[in-house]
Amino acid sequence: MIWYALVVPRRKEFTVESILAEQGFAVHVPVIHNPRRIHRKSKRMVLQGSAHFPGWVFTGFNDDEIPDWEAIKGVEFVRGLVANALGPIAFPANCMAAIMRDFHQRPVRYTREVRKRYRTGILAEITSGPYQDRRVRIVPIPHHVPTLVEVFTPEKAA
């Protein structure tokens, strides 16, 4: 596949992604998760997903397919295409494979549960995304900012 980057307004990446996906285009928005408080005085933390490349949405076309730029330009919020004087810039397949491997497709929201202090680590429950309703333990990693490490309990056989 040949991938191109569309320019969209910030915070509209997921809206454009859903519109283009409904129209049958191959679309990818790399997502990064940042911890934030639900309220500035709250102890409850949430990992909020946002676009890793603000203002960009990647769309892919097969090698033998001619991109339908008129249909893409007609989509609401699409401002343009990342290009130079020669035309649209195609991203290499290995670069896009690394981006798709390293970043989630959709935002995943995590919320912390209130637990007793003597337990090691903080338990959290994933409230949306592919691992919805699964429990994770937040583990501090030495020499780094405390991060979420997904340690799932094994599935129980029914």
N, C-alpha and C. Protein backbone atom coordinates (compact mmCIF):
# COMPACT_ATOMS: atom_id res chain seq x y z
N MET A 1 0.82 -1.19 0.00
CA MET A 1 0.00 0.00 0.00
C MET A 1 0.86 1.25 0.00
N ILE A 2 0.35 2.28 -0.61
CA ILE A 2 1.00 3.58 -0.61
C ILE A 2 0.19 4.47 0.34
N TRP A 3 0.88 5.11 1.30
CA TRP A 3 0.22 5.91 2.32
C TRP A 3 0.52 7.38 2.12
N TYR A 4 -0.50 8.20 2.32
CA TYR A 4 -0.39 9.65 2.23
C TYR A 4 -0.96 10.25 3.51
N ALA A 5 -0.51 11.45 3.87
CA ALA A 5 -1.00 12.13 5.07
C ALA A 5 -1.93 13.27 4.66
N LEU A 6 -3.11 13.27 5.24
CA LEU A 6 -4.06 14.35 5.02
C LEU A 6 -3.92 15.36 6.16
N VAL A 7 -4.10 16.62 5.85
CA VAL A 7 -4.05 17.68 6.86
C VAL A 7 -5.48 17.99 7.28
N VAL A 8 -5.73 17.90 8.60
CA VAL A 8 -7.07 18.15 9.16
C VAL A 8 -6.89 19.06 10.38
N PRO A 9 -7.97 19.70 10.85
CA PRO A 9 -7.84 20.50 12.08
C PRO A 9 -7.50 19.61 13.27
N ARG A 10 -6.75 20.18 14.21
CA ARG A 10 -6.43 19.42 15.42
C ARG A 10 -7.71 19.02 16.15
N ARG A 11 -7.67 17.86 16.76
CA ARG A 11 -8.79 17.27 17.51
C ARG A 11 -9.94 16.84 16.62
N LYS A 12 -9.75 16.82 15.32
CA LYS A 12 -10.77 16.32 14.39
C LYS A 12 -10.26 15.07 13.67
N GLU A 13 -9.12 14.52 14.12
CA GLU A 13 -8.52 13.39 13.43
C GLU A 13 -9.44 12.17 13.44
N PHE A 14 -10.06 11.89 14.59
CA PHE A 14 -10.90 10.70 14.69
C PHE A 14 -12.22 10.88 13.95
N THR A 15 -12.70 12.11 13.85
CA THR A 15 -13.91 12.38 13.08
C THR A 15 -13.65 12.12 11.60
N VAL A 16 -12.54 12.63 11.09
CA VAL A 16 -12.19 12.41 9.69
C VAL A 16 -11.92 10.93 9.44
N GLU A 17 -11.29 10.27 10.40
CA GLU A 17 -11.02 8.83 10.26
C GLU A 17 -12.31 8.05 10.09
N SER A 18 -13.31 8.34 10.92
CA SER A 18 -14.57 7.59 10.83
C SER A 18 -15.31 7.90 9.53
N ILE A 19 -15.27 9.15 9.07
CA ILE A 19 -15.93 9.51 7.82
C ILE A 19 -15.29 8.79 6.65
N LEU A 20 -13.95 8.81 6.58
CA LEU A 20 -13.25 8.14 5.47
C LEU A 20 -13.41 6.63 5.53
N ALA A 21 -13.43 6.05 6.73
CA ALA A 21 -13.62 4.61 6.86
C ALA A 21 -15.01 4.20 6.38
N GLU A 22 -16.02 5.02 6.67
CA GLU A 22 -17.37 4.73 6.18
C GLU A 22 -17.44 4.78 4.66
N GLN A 23 -16.60 5.61 4.04
CA GLN A 23 -16.58 5.72 2.58
C GLN A 23 -15.71 4.64 1.93
N GLY A 24 -15.07 3.78 2.74
CA GLY A 24 -14.32 2.66 2.20
C GLY A 24 -12.83 2.90 2.03
N PHE A 25 -12.30 3.97 2.56
CA PHE A 25 -10.86 4.23 2.45
C PHE A 25 -10.12 3.52 3.58
N ALA A 26 -8.87 3.15 3.32
CA ALA A 26 -8.00 2.62 4.37
C ALA A 26 -7.43 3.81 5.12
N VAL A 27 -7.68 3.88 6.43
CA VAL A 27 -7.33 5.05 7.22
C VAL A 27 -6.62 4.60 8.49
N HIS A 28 -5.65 5.41 8.93
CA HIS A 28 -4.96 5.12 10.19
C HIS A 28 -4.63 6.44 10.90
N VAL A 29 -4.97 6.51 12.19
CA VAL A 29 -4.59 7.64 13.04
C VAL A 29 -3.77 7.06 14.19
N PRO A 30 -2.46 7.31 14.23
CA PRO A 30 -1.64 6.82 15.36
C PRO A 30 -2.07 7.50 16.65
N VAL A 31 -2.20 6.72 17.71
CA VAL A 31 -2.71 7.24 18.99
C VAL A 31 -1.65 7.08 20.06
N ILE A 32 -1.50 8.13 20.88
CA ILE A 32 -0.63 8.08 22.04
C ILE A 32 -1.51 8.32 23.26
N HIS A 33 -1.19 7.66 24.37
CA HIS A 33 -2.00 7.78 25.58
C HIS A 33 -1.25 8.57 26.64
N ASN A 34 -1.88 9.60 27.16
CA ASN A 34 -1.29 10.47 28.18
C ASN A 34 -2.15 10.42 29.44
N PRO A 35 -1.52 10.27 30.63
CA PRO A 35 -2.32 10.27 31.85
C PRO A 35 -2.79 11.68 32.19
N ARG A 36 -4.00 11.79 32.70
CA ARG A 36 -4.51 13.07 33.16
C ARG A 36 -5.51 12.81 34.27
N ARG A 37 -5.71 13.82 35.10
CA ARG A 37 -6.70 13.72 36.18
C ARG A 37 -8.09 14.00 35.62
N ILE A 38 -9.08 13.36 36.20
CA ILE A 38 -10.46 13.61 35.79
C ILE A 38 -10.86 15.03 36.16
N HIS A 39 -10.42 15.47 37.32
CA HIS A 39 -10.63 16.83 37.79
C HIS A 39 -9.32 17.27 38.41
N ARG A 40 -9.02 18.55 38.43
CA ARG A 40 -7.70 18.99 38.87
C ARG A 40 -7.40 18.63 40.33
N LYS A 41 -8.44 18.44 41.17
CA LYS A 41 -8.22 18.06 42.56
C LYS A 41 -8.47 16.58 42.82
N SER A 42 -8.84 15.87 41.80
CA SER A 42 -9.17 14.46 41.95
C SER A 42 -7.91 13.59 41.95
N LYS A 43 -7.95 12.48 42.67
CA LYS A 43 -6.85 11.52 42.63
C LYS A 43 -7.05 10.50 41.52
N ARG A 44 -8.23 10.47 40.98
CA ARG A 44 -8.55 9.50 39.94
C ARG A 44 -7.89 9.92 38.63
N MET A 45 -7.18 8.99 38.02
CA MET A 45 -6.44 9.27 36.79
C MET A 45 -7.05 8.49 35.62
N VAL A 46 -6.93 9.08 34.45
CA VAL A 46 -7.41 8.45 33.23
C VAL A 46 -6.31 8.58 32.18
N LEU A 47 -6.13 7.54 31.39
CA LEU A 47 -5.23 7.66 30.24
C LEU A 47 -6.09 8.12 29.08
N GLN A 48 -5.77 9.28 28.55
CA GLN A 48 -6.56 9.86 27.47
C GLN A 48 -5.81 9.68 26.16
N GLY A 49 -6.49 9.12 25.17
CA GLY A 49 -5.89 8.92 23.86
C GLY A 49 -6.01 10.17 23.02
N SER A 50 -4.92 10.51 22.34
CA SER A 50 -4.93 11.63 21.41
C SER A 50 -4.06 11.27 20.22
N ALA A 51 -4.21 12.00 19.15
CA ALA A 51 -3.44 11.71 17.94
C ALA A 51 -1.96 11.97 18.19
N HIS A 52 -1.13 11.03 17.78
CA HIS A 52 0.32 11.17 17.95
C HIS A 52 0.87 12.25 17.01
N PHE A 53 0.28 12.37 15.84
CA PHE A 53 0.65 13.42 14.90
C PHE A 53 -0.56 14.35 14.77
N PRO A 54 -0.67 15.37 15.63
CA PRO A 54 -1.85 16.24 15.60
C PRO A 54 -2.03 16.89 14.23
N GLY A 55 -3.25 16.80 13.73
CA GLY A 55 -3.56 17.42 12.46
C GLY A 55 -3.30 16.56 11.24
N TRP A 56 -2.90 15.30 11.44
CA TRP A 56 -2.63 14.40 10.32
C TRP A 56 -3.47 13.15 10.43
N VAL A 57 -3.98 12.70 9.29
CA VAL A 57 -4.67 11.42 9.16
C VAL A 57 -4.04 10.70 7.98
N PHE A 58 -3.61 9.47 8.19
CA PHE A 58 -2.97 8.71 7.12
C PHE A 58 -4.02 7.90 6.36
N THR A 59 -3.95 7.95 5.05
CA THR A 59 -4.86 7.16 4.21
C THR A 59 -4.03 6.37 3.21
N GLY A 60 -4.42 5.13 2.98
CA GLY A 60 -3.63 4.25 2.13
C GLY A 60 -4.38 3.81 0.89
N PHE A 61 -3.63 3.57 -0.18
CA PHE A 61 -4.19 3.10 -1.44
C PHE A 61 -3.36 1.93 -1.92
N ASN A 62 -3.99 0.99 -2.61
CA ASN A 62 -3.26 -0.13 -3.21
C ASN A 62 -2.31 0.40 -4.27
N ASP A 63 -1.27 -0.37 -4.56
CA ASP A 63 -0.25 0.06 -5.52
C ASP A 63 -0.84 0.32 -6.90
N ASP A 64 -1.83 -0.47 -7.31
CA ASP A 64 -2.40 -0.32 -8.65
C ASP A 64 -3.60 0.63 -8.68
N GLU A 65 -3.96 1.18 -7.53
CA GLU A 65 -5.14 2.05 -7.43
C GLU A 65 -4.73 3.52 -7.59
N ILE A 66 -5.52 4.26 -8.34
CA ILE A 66 -5.29 5.69 -8.51
C ILE A 66 -6.08 6.41 -7.41
N PRO A 67 -5.40 7.22 -6.56
CA PRO A 67 -6.10 7.89 -5.47
C PRO A 67 -7.20 8.82 -5.97
N ASP A 68 -8.35 8.77 -5.31
CA ASP A 68 -9.48 9.63 -5.66
C ASP A 68 -9.42 10.88 -4.78
N TRP A 69 -8.57 11.83 -5.18
CA TRP A 69 -8.36 13.01 -4.37
C TRP A 69 -9.61 13.90 -4.30
N GLU A 70 -10.42 13.90 -5.34
CA GLU A 70 -11.62 14.74 -5.33
C GLU A 70 -12.59 14.26 -4.25
N ALA A 71 -12.74 12.95 -4.10
CA ALA A 71 -13.63 12.42 -3.06
C ALA A 71 -13.09 12.75 -1.67
N ILE A 72 -11.77 12.69 -1.51
CA ILE A 72 -11.17 12.98 -0.21
C ILE A 72 -11.26 14.47 0.10
N LYS A 73 -11.04 15.34 -0.91
CA LYS A 73 -11.15 16.78 -0.68
C LYS A 73 -12.57 17.20 -0.34
N GLY A 74 -13.56 16.40 -0.76
CA GLY A 74 -14.95 16.72 -0.47
C GLY A 74 -15.37 16.37 0.95
N VAL A 75 -14.52 15.64 1.68
CA VAL A 75 -14.84 15.25 3.06
C VAL A 75 -14.70 16.47 3.96
N GLU A 76 -15.68 16.63 4.84
CA GLU A 76 -15.65 17.75 5.78
C GLU A 76 -14.40 17.67 6.65
N PHE A 77 -13.78 18.77 6.95
CA PHE A 77 -12.60 18.95 7.79
C PHE A 77 -11.28 18.64 7.09
N VAL A 78 -11.27 18.05 5.90
CA VAL A 78 -10.00 17.80 5.22
C VAL A 78 -9.53 19.11 4.61
N ARG A 79 -8.39 19.61 5.08
CA ARG A 79 -7.86 20.90 4.61
C ARG A 79 -6.90 20.75 3.44
N GLY A 80 -6.23 19.62 3.38
CA GLY A 80 -5.26 19.45 2.31
C GLY A 80 -4.50 18.15 2.45
N LEU A 81 -3.37 18.11 1.78
CA LEU A 81 -2.55 16.91 1.67
C LEU A 81 -1.10 17.32 1.90
N VAL A 82 -0.35 16.48 2.61
CA VAL A 82 1.07 16.78 2.80
C VAL A 82 1.76 16.57 1.46
N ALA A 83 2.32 17.65 0.92
CA ALA A 83 2.90 17.59 -0.42
C ALA A 83 4.07 18.56 -0.52
N ASN A 84 4.83 18.40 -1.61
CA ASN A 84 5.88 19.37 -1.95
C ASN A 84 5.59 19.89 -3.35
N ALA A 85 6.54 20.54 -3.98
CA ALA A 85 6.31 21.14 -5.30
C ALA A 85 6.03 20.09 -6.37
N LEU A 86 6.49 18.85 -6.14
CA LEU A 86 6.30 17.78 -7.13
C LEU A 86 4.97 17.07 -7.00
N GLY A 87 4.28 17.23 -5.88
CA GLY A 87 3.00 16.56 -5.67
C GLY A 87 2.92 15.94 -4.29
N PRO A 88 1.91 15.10 -4.05
CA PRO A 88 1.73 14.47 -2.74
C PRO A 88 2.93 13.61 -2.34
N ILE A 89 3.26 13.65 -1.07
CA ILE A 89 4.38 12.86 -0.55
C ILE A 89 3.85 11.52 -0.08
N ALA A 90 4.37 10.44 -0.67
CA ALA A 90 4.01 9.08 -0.27
C ALA A 90 4.95 8.64 0.84
N PHE A 91 4.40 8.04 1.90
CA PHE A 91 5.21 7.55 2.99
C PHE A 91 5.66 6.12 2.67
N PRO A 92 6.92 5.79 2.94
CA PRO A 92 7.41 4.44 2.64
C PRO A 92 6.63 3.38 3.42
N ALA A 93 6.50 2.21 2.81
CA ALA A 93 5.73 1.12 3.44
C ALA A 93 6.34 0.70 4.76
N ASN A 94 7.69 0.65 4.86
CA ASN A 94 8.31 0.23 6.12
C ASN A 94 8.10 1.26 7.22
N CYS A 95 8.06 2.55 6.87
CA CYS A 95 7.79 3.60 7.85
C CYS A 95 6.36 3.48 8.40
N MET A 96 5.41 3.28 7.51
CA MET A 96 4.01 3.15 7.95
C MET A 96 3.80 1.85 8.72
N ALA A 97 4.51 0.78 8.36
CA ALA A 97 4.40 -0.48 9.11
C ALA A 97 4.88 -0.28 10.54
N ALA A 98 5.96 0.48 10.72
CA ALA A 98 6.47 0.76 12.07
C ALA A 98 5.49 1.63 12.86
N ILE A 99 4.91 2.62 12.21
CA ILE A 99 3.93 3.48 12.88
C ILE A 99 2.70 2.67 13.29
N MET A 100 2.22 1.82 12.41
CA MET A 100 1.02 1.03 12.72
C MET A 100 1.31 -0.02 13.80
N ARG A 101 2.55 -0.50 13.85
CA ARG A 101 2.91 -1.49 14.86
C ARG A 101 3.06 -0.85 16.23
N ASP A 102 3.61 0.36 16.28
CA ASP A 102 3.96 0.98 17.56
C ASP A 102 2.85 1.80 18.20
N PHE A 103 1.84 2.18 17.43
CA PHE A 103 0.79 3.03 17.98
C PHE A 103 -0.57 2.38 17.78
N HIS A 104 -1.43 2.53 18.80
CA HIS A 104 -2.76 1.95 18.75
C HIS A 104 -3.59 2.59 17.65
N GLN A 105 -4.60 1.85 17.22
CA GLN A 105 -5.51 2.37 16.21
C GLN A 105 -6.52 3.33 16.84
N ARG A 106 -7.11 2.96 17.94
CA ARG A 106 -8.15 3.78 18.57
C ARG A 106 -7.74 4.09 20.00
N PRO A 107 -8.23 5.20 20.56
CA PRO A 107 -7.90 5.52 21.94
C PRO A 107 -8.50 4.51 22.91
N VAL A 108 -7.76 4.20 23.94
CA VAL A 108 -8.22 3.30 24.99
C VAL A 108 -8.26 4.10 26.27
N ARG A 109 -9.39 4.08 26.97
CA ARG A 109 -9.52 4.85 28.21
C ARG A 109 -9.34 3.92 29.40
N TYR A 110 -8.51 4.33 30.34
CA TYR A 110 -8.26 3.57 31.56
C TYR A 110 -8.74 4.42 32.74
N THR A 111 -9.37 3.80 33.71
CA THR A 111 -9.70 4.52 34.94
C THR A 111 -9.15 3.74 36.11
N ARG A 112 -8.65 4.45 37.11
CA ARG A 112 -8.10 3.79 38.29
C ARG A 112 -9.21 3.45 39.27
N GLU A 113 -9.07 2.32 39.93
CA GLU A 113 -10.01 1.94 40.99
C GLU A 113 -9.43 2.38 42.33
N VAL A 114 -10.31 2.65 43.27
CA VAL A 114 -9.87 2.98 44.62
C VAL A 114 -9.60 1.66 45.33
N ARG A 115 -8.39 1.47 45.81
CA ARG A 115 -8.00 0.24 46.49
C ARG A 115 -7.31 0.57 47.80
N LYS A 116 -7.18 -0.45 48.66
CA LYS A 116 -6.48 -0.25 49.92
C LYS A 116 -4.99 -0.04 49.64
N ARG A 117 -4.34 0.72 50.52
CA ARG A 117 -2.95 1.12 50.28
C ARG A 117 -1.95 -0.03 50.40
N TYR A 118 -2.25 -1.06 51.19
CA TYR A 118 -1.25 -2.09 51.42
C TYR A 118 -1.07 -3.02 50.23
N ARG A 119 -1.93 -2.93 49.24
CA ARG A 119 -1.75 -3.76 48.04
C ARG A 119 -0.64 -3.16 47.18
N THR A 120 0.11 -4.01 46.51
CA THR A 120 1.19 -3.51 45.66
C THR A 120 0.61 -3.13 44.30
N GLY A 121 0.99 -1.99 43.82
CA GLY A 121 0.50 -1.51 42.53
C GLY A 121 -0.92 -1.02 42.65
N ILE A 122 -1.37 -0.29 41.68
CA ILE A 122 -2.71 0.25 41.64
C ILE A 122 -3.47 -0.49 40.57
N LEU A 123 -4.66 -0.97 40.90
CA LEU A 123 -5.45 -1.67 39.90
C LEU A 123 -6.25 -0.66 39.09
N ALA A 124 -6.46 -0.98 37.84
CA ALA A 124 -7.25 -0.12 36.96
C ALA A 124 -8.12 -1.01 36.10
N GLU A 125 -9.18 -0.45 35.58
CA GLU A 125 -10.05 -1.18 34.68
C GLU A 125 -10.15 -0.41 33.37
N ILE A 126 -10.02 -1.12 32.27
CA ILE A 126 -10.09 -0.49 30.96
C ILE A 126 -11.56 -0.32 30.62
N THR A 127 -11.96 0.93 30.29
CA THR A 127 -13.37 1.20 30.08
C THR A 127 -13.78 1.27 28.62
N SER A 128 -12.82 1.27 27.68
CA SER A 128 -13.18 1.24 26.28
C SER A 128 -12.01 0.70 25.48
N GLY A 129 -12.28 0.32 24.25
CA GLY A 129 -11.22 -0.19 23.39
C GLY A 129 -11.26 -1.70 23.29
N PRO A 130 -10.23 -2.30 22.71
CA PRO A 130 -10.25 -3.74 22.48
C PRO A 130 -10.18 -4.57 23.75
N TYR A 131 -9.65 -4.01 24.85
CA TYR A 131 -9.53 -4.75 26.10
C TYR A 131 -10.55 -4.26 27.13
N GLN A 132 -11.72 -3.86 26.69
CA GLN A 132 -12.73 -3.31 27.58
C GLN A 132 -13.09 -4.30 28.68
N ASP A 133 -13.31 -3.78 29.90
CA ASP A 133 -13.68 -4.54 31.10
C ASP A 133 -12.59 -5.50 31.57
N ARG A 134 -11.34 -5.31 31.16
CA ARG A 134 -10.23 -6.11 31.65
C ARG A 134 -9.52 -5.32 32.74
N ARG A 135 -8.92 -5.99 33.69
CA ARG A 135 -8.21 -5.33 34.78
C ARG A 135 -6.71 -5.32 34.49
N VAL A 136 -6.07 -4.23 34.86
CA VAL A 136 -4.62 -4.10 34.70
C VAL A 136 -4.04 -3.61 36.01
N ARG A 137 -2.75 -3.80 36.18
CA ARG A 137 -2.06 -3.30 37.37
C ARG A 137 -1.06 -2.25 36.91
N ILE A 138 -1.06 -1.10 37.57
CA ILE A 138 -0.13 -0.03 37.25
C ILE A 138 1.15 -0.29 38.04
N VAL A 139 2.25 -0.41 37.34
CA VAL A 139 3.52 -0.76 37.96
C VAL A 139 4.53 0.36 37.71
N PRO A 140 5.12 0.95 38.76
CA PRO A 140 6.16 1.96 38.52
C PRO A 140 7.43 1.27 38.01
N ILE A 141 8.04 1.86 37.01
CA ILE A 141 9.27 1.31 36.45
C ILE A 141 10.42 2.22 36.89
N PRO A 142 11.50 1.67 37.46
CA PRO A 142 12.60 2.52 37.93
C PRO A 142 13.17 3.38 36.81
N HIS A 143 13.56 4.61 37.15
CA HIS A 143 14.18 5.58 36.24
C HIS A 143 13.23 6.04 35.15
N HIS A 144 11.96 5.82 35.29
CA HIS A 144 10.98 6.28 34.31
C HIS A 144 9.78 6.84 35.05
N VAL A 145 8.95 7.52 34.32
CA VAL A 145 7.68 7.98 34.87
C VAL A 145 6.82 6.73 35.08
N PRO A 146 6.03 6.65 36.17
CA PRO A 146 5.18 5.48 36.34
C PRO A 146 4.28 5.29 35.11
N THR A 147 4.23 4.08 34.63
CA THR A 147 3.47 3.79 33.42
C THR A 147 2.52 2.64 33.66
N LEU A 148 1.58 2.51 32.74
CA LEU A 148 0.66 1.38 32.81
C LEU A 148 1.30 0.19 32.12
N VAL A 149 1.33 -0.92 32.81
CA VAL A 149 1.82 -2.15 32.21
C VAL A 149 0.63 -3.10 32.20
N GLU A 150 0.26 -3.59 31.02
CA GLU A 150 -0.91 -4.45 30.92
C GLU A 150 -0.54 -5.86 31.36
N VAL A 151 -0.97 -6.22 32.56
CA VAL A 151 -0.75 -7.57 33.08
C VAL A 151 -2.15 -8.13 33.30
N PHE A 152 -2.62 -8.96 32.40
CA PHE A 152 -3.97 -9.47 32.48
C PHE A 152 -4.02 -10.78 33.23
N THR A 153 -5.09 -10.98 33.97
CA THR A 153 -5.29 -12.27 34.61
C THR A 153 -5.70 -13.25 33.53
N PRO A 154 -5.27 -14.50 33.64
CA PRO A 154 -5.63 -15.47 32.59
C PRO A 154 -7.15 -15.66 32.54
N GLU A 155 -7.64 -15.91 31.34
CA GLU A 155 -9.07 -16.14 31.16
C GLU A 155 -9.46 -17.43 31.87
N LYS A 156 -10.58 -17.39 32.55
CA LYS A 156 -11.09 -18.58 33.23
C LYS A 156 -11.88 -19.42 32.25
N ALA A 157 -11.63 -20.71 32.26
CA ALA A 157 -12.37 -21.60 31.36
C ALA A 157 -13.79 -21.77 31.88
N ALA A 158 -14.73 -21.70 30.97
CA ALA A 158 -16.14 -21.79 31.37
C ALA A 158 -16.56 -23.23 31.55
